[in-house]
Amino acid sequence: MNKIVRAIFENPEYLKSQDVSDSEILKQLIKVHLPISVENAIVGKKMYAPLFEINDSGQYIEVHKNNWVQALETCLVWYVEDEDYEMCDHIKNLIHSIQEKSLLTKKVSLTKNKTDGAGF
């Protein structure tokens, strides 16, 4: 398990989501750490993938598992722009594995619901 990185902000109480998306430094941090964090969260069966800690405060910027695919797709675009196709393949495989698990979970849930309502 990798240690969560810390991002240092001046006046974090005024931090807005637009500040995060406008920062090239944070974009690079997210691009590098998001795939690692999502992989660790999957292995650890977590609901959230922590990206970074804010100013050693114990407060984290995290991504909920429902948003992992969308966040990874954004990272994928950034890696395509950098022409880092090895990382693109890695992220595509990670997205595929998340989608497969999601489909499998839905199928198991649907199957269980069908047998629960059978009236036996």
C-alpha atoms as a PDB file:
ATOM      1  CA  MET A   1       0.000   0.000   0.000  1.00  0.00           C
ATOM      2  CA  ASN A   2       1.436   3.374  -0.996  1.00  0.00           C
ATOM      3  CA  LYS A   3       1.533   6.331   1.343  1.00  0.00           C
ATOM      4  CA  ILE A   4      -0.958   9.062   0.465  1.00  0.00           C
ATOM      5  CA  VAL A   5       0.735  12.194  -0.826  1.00  0.00           C
ATOM      6  CA  ARG A   6       0.223  15.556   0.807  1.00  0.00           C
ATOM      7  CA  ALA A   7      -0.636  18.706  -1.112  1.00  0.00           C
ATOM      8  CA  ILE A   8       0.178  22.000   0.556  1.00  0.00           C
ATOM      9  CA  PHE A   9      -2.243  24.879   0.030  1.00  0.00           C
ATOM     10  CA  GLU A  10      -2.182  28.423   1.277  1.00  0.00           C
ATOM     11  CA  ASN A  11      -5.538  29.257   2.847  1.00  0.00           C
ATOM     12  CA  PRO A  12      -7.186  25.858   2.255  1.00  0.00           C
ATOM     13  CA  GLU A  13     -10.431  27.168   3.733  1.00  0.00           C
ATOM     14  CA  TYR A  14     -10.866  29.171   0.503  1.00  0.00           C
ATOM     15  CA  LEU A  15     -10.057  26.246  -1.790  1.00  0.00           C
ATOM     16  CA  LYS A  16     -12.617  25.700  -4.557  1.00  0.00           C
ATOM     17  CA  SER A  17     -12.972  22.849  -7.025  1.00  0.00           C
ATOM     18  CA  GLN A  18     -12.090  25.261  -9.847  1.00  0.00           C
ATOM     19  CA  ASP A  19      -8.733  25.942  -8.132  1.00  0.00           C
ATOM     20  CA  VAL A  20      -7.957  22.244  -8.264  1.00  0.00           C
ATOM     21  CA  SER A  21      -8.908  21.882 -11.930  1.00  0.00           C
ATOM     22  CA  ASP A  22      -6.968  25.030 -12.895  1.00  0.00           C
ATOM     23  CA  SER A  23      -3.731  23.864 -11.248  1.00  0.00           C
ATOM     24  CA  GLU A  24      -1.265  22.135 -13.570  1.00  0.00           C
ATOM     25  CA  ILE A  25       0.628  20.821 -10.536  1.00  0.00           C
ATOM     26  CA  LEU A  26      -2.502  19.200  -9.114  1.00  0.00           C
ATOM     27  CA  LYS A  27      -3.399  17.820 -12.534  1.00  0.00           C
ATOM     28  CA  GLN A  28      -0.024  16.048 -12.634  1.00  0.00           C
ATOM     29  CA  LEU A  29      -0.455  14.807  -9.071  1.00  0.00           C
ATOM     30  CA  ILE A  30      -3.905  13.410  -9.884  1.00  0.00           C
ATOM     31  CA  LYS A  31      -2.733  11.923 -13.171  1.00  0.00           C
ATOM     32  CA  VAL A  32       0.032   9.985 -11.458  1.00  0.00           C
ATOM     33  CA  HIS A  33      -1.675   9.029  -8.206  1.00  0.00           C
ATOM     34  CA  LEU A  34      -5.264   8.335  -9.261  1.00  0.00           C
ATOM     35  CA  PRO A  35      -4.578   4.999 -11.016  1.00  0.00           C
ATOM     36  CA  ILE A  36      -2.418   3.838  -8.088  1.00  0.00           C
ATOM     37  CA  SER A  37      -4.992   4.940  -5.540  1.00  0.00           C
ATOM     38  CA  VAL A  38      -7.868   3.251  -7.383  1.00  0.00           C
ATOM     39  CA  GLU A  39      -5.883   0.014  -7.673  1.00  0.00           C
ATOM     40  CA  ASN A  40      -5.099   0.113  -3.942  1.00  0.00           C
ATOM     41  CA  ALA A  41      -8.758   0.810  -3.141  1.00  0.00           C
ATOM     42  CA  ILE A  42      -9.868  -2.144  -5.269  1.00  0.00           C
ATOM     43  CA  VAL A  43      -7.390  -4.486  -3.596  1.00  0.00           C
ATOM     44  CA  GLY A  44      -8.394  -3.170  -0.170  1.00  0.00           C
ATOM     45  CA  LYS A  45     -12.110  -3.348  -1.056  1.00  0.00           C
ATOM     46  CA  LYS A  46     -12.583   0.334  -0.190  1.00  0.00           C
ATOM     47  CA  MET A  47     -15.410   2.660  -1.179  1.00  0.00           C
ATOM     48  CA  TYR A  48     -13.079   5.630  -1.736  1.00  0.00           C
ATOM     49  CA  ALA A  49      -9.712   6.107  -3.410  1.00  0.00           C
ATOM     50  CA  PRO A  50      -7.765   8.860  -1.606  1.00  0.00           C
ATOM     51  CA  LEU A  51      -5.831  11.142  -3.947  1.00  0.00           C
ATOM     52  CA  PHE A  52      -4.026  13.398  -1.531  1.00  0.00           C
ATOM     53  CA  GLU A  53      -4.131  14.875   1.939  1.00  0.00           C
ATOM     54  CA  ILE A  54      -4.621  18.612   2.345  1.00  0.00           C
ATOM     55  CA  ASN A  55      -1.843  20.296   4.386  1.00  0.00           C
ATOM     56  CA  ASP A  56      -1.248  17.460   6.870  1.00  0.00           C
ATOM     57  CA  SER A  57      -4.773  18.123   8.170  1.00  0.00           C
ATOM     58  CA  GLY A  58      -6.185  14.609   8.109  1.00  0.00           C
ATOM     59  CA  GLN A  59      -8.598  15.779   5.398  1.00  0.00           C
ATOM     60  CA  TYR A  60      -8.357  14.055   2.043  1.00  0.00           C
ATOM     61  CA  ILE A  61      -9.483  14.570  -1.504  1.00  0.00           C
ATOM     62  CA  GLU A  62     -11.039  11.229  -2.393  1.00  0.00           C
ATOM     63  CA  VAL A  63     -12.886   9.656  -5.296  1.00  0.00           C
ATOM     64  CA  HIS A  64     -15.926   7.459  -4.574  1.00  0.00           C
ATOM     65  CA  LYS A  65     -15.951   4.104  -6.348  1.00  0.00           C
ATOM     66  CA  ASN A  66     -18.972   5.192  -8.429  1.00  0.00           C
ATOM     67  CA  ASN A  67     -16.701   7.827 -10.000  1.00  0.00           C
ATOM     68  CA  TRP A  68     -13.574   5.719 -10.551  1.00  0.00           C
ATOM     69  CA  VAL A  69     -14.252   4.954 -14.212  1.00  0.00           C
ATOM     70  CA  GLN A  70     -15.011   8.589 -15.069  1.00  0.00           C
ATOM     71  CA  ALA A  71     -11.901   9.795 -13.196  1.00  0.00           C
ATOM     72  CA  LEU A  72      -9.720   7.174 -14.885  1.00  0.00           C
ATOM     73  CA  GLU A  73     -11.126   8.150 -18.291  1.00  0.00           C
ATOM     74  CA  THR A  74      -9.990  11.720 -17.593  1.00  0.00           C
ATOM     75  CA  CYS A  75      -6.518  10.419 -16.710  1.00  0.00           C
ATOM     76  CA  LEU A  76      -6.567   8.390 -19.899  1.00  0.00           C
ATOM     77  CA  VAL A  77      -7.102  11.566 -21.950  1.00  0.00           C
ATOM     78  CA  TRP A  78      -4.132  13.193 -20.218  1.00  0.00           C
ATOM     79  CA  TYR A  79      -1.899  10.188 -20.939  1.00  0.00           C
ATOM     80  CA  VAL A  80      -3.010  10.141 -24.589  1.00  0.00           C
ATOM     81  CA  GLU A  81      -2.030  13.816 -24.823  1.00  0.00           C
ATOM     82  CA  ASP A  82       1.407  12.838 -23.434  1.00  0.00           C
ATOM     83  CA  GLU A  83       1.562   9.885 -25.857  1.00  0.00           C
ATOM     84  CA  ASP A  84       2.264   7.554 -22.926  1.00  0.00           C
ATOM     85  CA  TYR A  85       0.550   4.556 -24.502  1.00  0.00           C
ATOM     86  CA  GLU A  86       1.885   2.054 -21.983  1.00  0.00           C
ATOM     87  CA  MET A  87       0.067   3.921 -19.214  1.00  0.00           C
ATOM     88  CA  CYS A  88      -2.989   4.243 -21.484  1.00  0.00           C
ATOM     89  CA  ASP A  89      -3.123   0.441 -21.773  1.00  0.00           C
ATOM     90  CA  HIS A  90      -2.740   0.082 -18.030  1.00  0.00           C
ATOM     91  CA  ILE A  91      -5.601   2.511 -17.342  1.00  0.00           C
ATOM     92  CA  LYS A  92      -7.838   0.902 -19.992  1.00  0.00           C
ATOM     93  CA  ASN A  93      -7.271  -2.491 -18.346  1.00  0.00           C
ATOM     94  CA  LEU A  94      -8.083  -1.006 -14.953  1.00  0.00           C
ATOM     95  CA  ILE A  95     -11.300   0.554 -16.298  1.00  0.00           C
ATOM     96  CA  HIS A  96     -12.236  -2.764 -17.913  1.00  0.00           C
ATOM     97  CA  SER A  97     -11.706  -4.667 -14.656  1.00  0.00           C
ATOM     98  CA  ILE A  98     -13.894  -2.173 -12.735  1.00  0.00           C
ATOM     99  CA  GLN A  99     -16.646  -2.448 -15.336  1.00  0.00           C
ATOM    100  CA  GLU A 100     -16.466  -6.262 -15.290  1.00  0.00           C
ATOM    101  CA  LYS A 101     -16.779  -6.345 -11.495  1.00  0.00           C
ATOM    102  CA  SER A 102     -19.718  -3.960 -11.694  1.00  0.00           C
ATOM    103  CA  LEU A 103     -21.503  -6.143 -14.254  1.00  0.00           C
ATOM    104  CA  LEU A 104     -20.816  -9.283 -12.238  1.00  0.00           C
ATOM    105  CA  THR A 105     -22.210  -7.653  -9.088  1.00  0.00           C
ATOM    106  CA  LYS A 106     -25.351  -6.553 -10.948  1.00  0.00           C
ATOM    107  CA  LYS A 107     -25.866 -10.070 -12.371  1.00  0.00           C
ATOM    108  CA  VAL A 108     -25.490 -11.661  -8.934  1.00  0.00           C
ATOM    109  CA  SER A 109     -27.920  -9.133  -7.469  1.00  0.00           C
ATOM    110  CA  LEU A 110     -30.468  -9.701 -10.243  1.00  0.00           C
ATOM    111  CA  THR A 111     -30.193 -13.467  -9.862  1.00  0.00           C
ATOM    112  CA  LYS A 112     -30.662 -13.221  -6.099  1.00  0.00           C
ATOM    113  CA  ASN A 113     -33.716 -10.973  -6.492  1.00  0.00           C
ATOM    114  CA  LYS A 114     -35.318 -13.408  -8.960  1.00  0.00           C
ATOM    115  CA  THR A 115     -34.897 -16.332  -6.588  1.00  0.00           C
ATOM    116  CA  ASP A 116     -36.048 -14.289  -3.561  1.00  0.00           C
ATOM    117  CA  GLY A 117     -39.371 -13.495  -5.220  1.00  0.00           C
ATOM    118  CA  ALA A 118     -40.085 -17.048  -6.358  1.00  0.00           C
ATOM    119  CA  GLY A 119     -42.434 -17.727  -3.435  1.00  0.00           C
ATOM    120  CA  PHE A 120     -40.794 -20.976  -2.350  1.00  0.00           C
END
